[in-house]
Amino acid sequence: MRGVRRAVLALCFGVAGAVLLRLVGGSATVPERGGWRELEGPELR
């Protein structure tokens, strides 16, 4: 039973840490470079 409690406690700490990093972490801006773009002109061949 002690092992189950420790596993649940570790899981709770992991979830809390992930939520904290998600809320406090870096900004959610869209990258300005890279990704998909429409092909034009001779690039279509």
C-alpha atoms as a PDB file:
ATOM      1  CA  MET A   1       0.000   0.000   0.000  1.00  0.00           C
ATOM      2  CA  ARG A   2       2.897   2.323   0.742  1.00  0.00           C
ATOM      3  CA  GLY A   3       4.168   1.933  -2.833  1.00  0.00           C
ATOM      4  CA  VAL A   4       0.782   2.862  -4.280  1.00  0.00           C
ATOM      5  CA  ARG A   5       0.660   6.013  -2.146  1.00  0.00           C
ATOM      6  CA  ARG A   6       4.145   7.000  -3.254  1.00  0.00           C
ATOM      7  CA  ALA A   7       3.259   6.430  -6.902  1.00  0.00           C
ATOM      8  CA  VAL A   8       0.099   8.555  -6.607  1.00  0.00           C
ATOM      9  CA  LEU A   9       2.026  11.298  -4.794  1.00  0.00           C
ATOM     10  CA  ALA A  10       4.758  11.286  -7.454  1.00  0.00           C
ATOM     11  CA  LEU A  11       2.106  11.442 -10.179  1.00  0.00           C
ATOM     12  CA  CYS A  12       0.429  14.410  -8.472  1.00  0.00           C
ATOM     13  CA  PHE A  13       3.752  16.247  -8.209  1.00  0.00           C
ATOM     14  CA  GLY A  14       4.464  15.539 -11.862  1.00  0.00           C
ATOM     15  CA  VAL A  15       1.078  16.839 -12.982  1.00  0.00           C
ATOM     16  CA  ALA A  16       1.417  19.939 -10.780  1.00  0.00           C
ATOM     17  CA  GLY A  17       4.873  20.617 -12.219  1.00  0.00           C
ATOM     18  CA  ALA A  18       3.624  20.241 -15.780  1.00  0.00           C
ATOM     19  CA  VAL A  19       0.711  22.604 -15.127  1.00  0.00           C
ATOM     20  CA  LEU A  20       3.045  25.130 -13.522  1.00  0.00           C
ATOM     21  CA  LEU A  21       5.445  25.005 -16.466  1.00  0.00           C
ATOM     22  CA  ARG A  22       2.544  25.347 -18.894  1.00  0.00           C
ATOM     23  CA  LEU A  23       1.152  28.421 -17.119  1.00  0.00           C
ATOM     24  CA  VAL A  24       4.428  30.178 -16.316  1.00  0.00           C
ATOM     25  CA  GLY A  25       6.465  28.944 -19.288  1.00  0.00           C
ATOM     26  CA  GLY A  26       7.371  30.775 -22.470  1.00  0.00           C
ATOM     27  CA  SER A  27       5.023  32.846 -24.539  1.00  0.00           C
ATOM     28  CA  ALA A  28       2.658  31.235 -27.018  1.00  0.00           C
ATOM     29  CA  THR A  29       3.652  33.320 -30.026  1.00  0.00           C
ATOM     30  CA  VAL A  30       3.537  31.893 -33.515  1.00  0.00           C
ATOM     31  CA  PRO A  31       6.989  31.440 -35.099  1.00  0.00           C
ATOM     32  CA  GLU A  32       7.739  34.005 -37.787  1.00  0.00           C
ATOM     33  CA  ARG A  33       9.905  31.717 -39.927  1.00  0.00           C
ATOM     34  CA  GLY A  34       9.589  28.197 -41.205  1.00  0.00           C
ATOM     35  CA  GLY A  35       6.478  26.147 -41.740  1.00  0.00           C
ATOM     36  CA  TRP A  36       4.346  25.829 -44.841  1.00  0.00           C
ATOM     37  CA  ARG A  37       4.092  28.415 -47.577  1.00  0.00           C
ATOM     38  CA  GLU A  38       2.383  28.618 -50.948  1.00  0.00           C
ATOM     39  CA  LEU A  39       4.571  27.844 -53.942  1.00  0.00           C
ATOM     40  CA  GLU A  40       4.643  30.387 -56.705  1.00  0.00           C
ATOM     41  CA  GLY A  41       5.975  30.582 -60.256  1.00  0.00           C
ATOM     42  CA  PRO A  42       8.760  28.221 -61.322  1.00  0.00           C
ATOM     43  CA  GLU A  43       8.772  26.464 -57.932  1.00  0.00           C
ATOM     44  CA  LEU A  44       5.599  24.621 -58.978  1.00  0.00           C
ATOM     45  CA  ARG A  45       7.452  22.481 -61.536  1.00  0.00           C
END
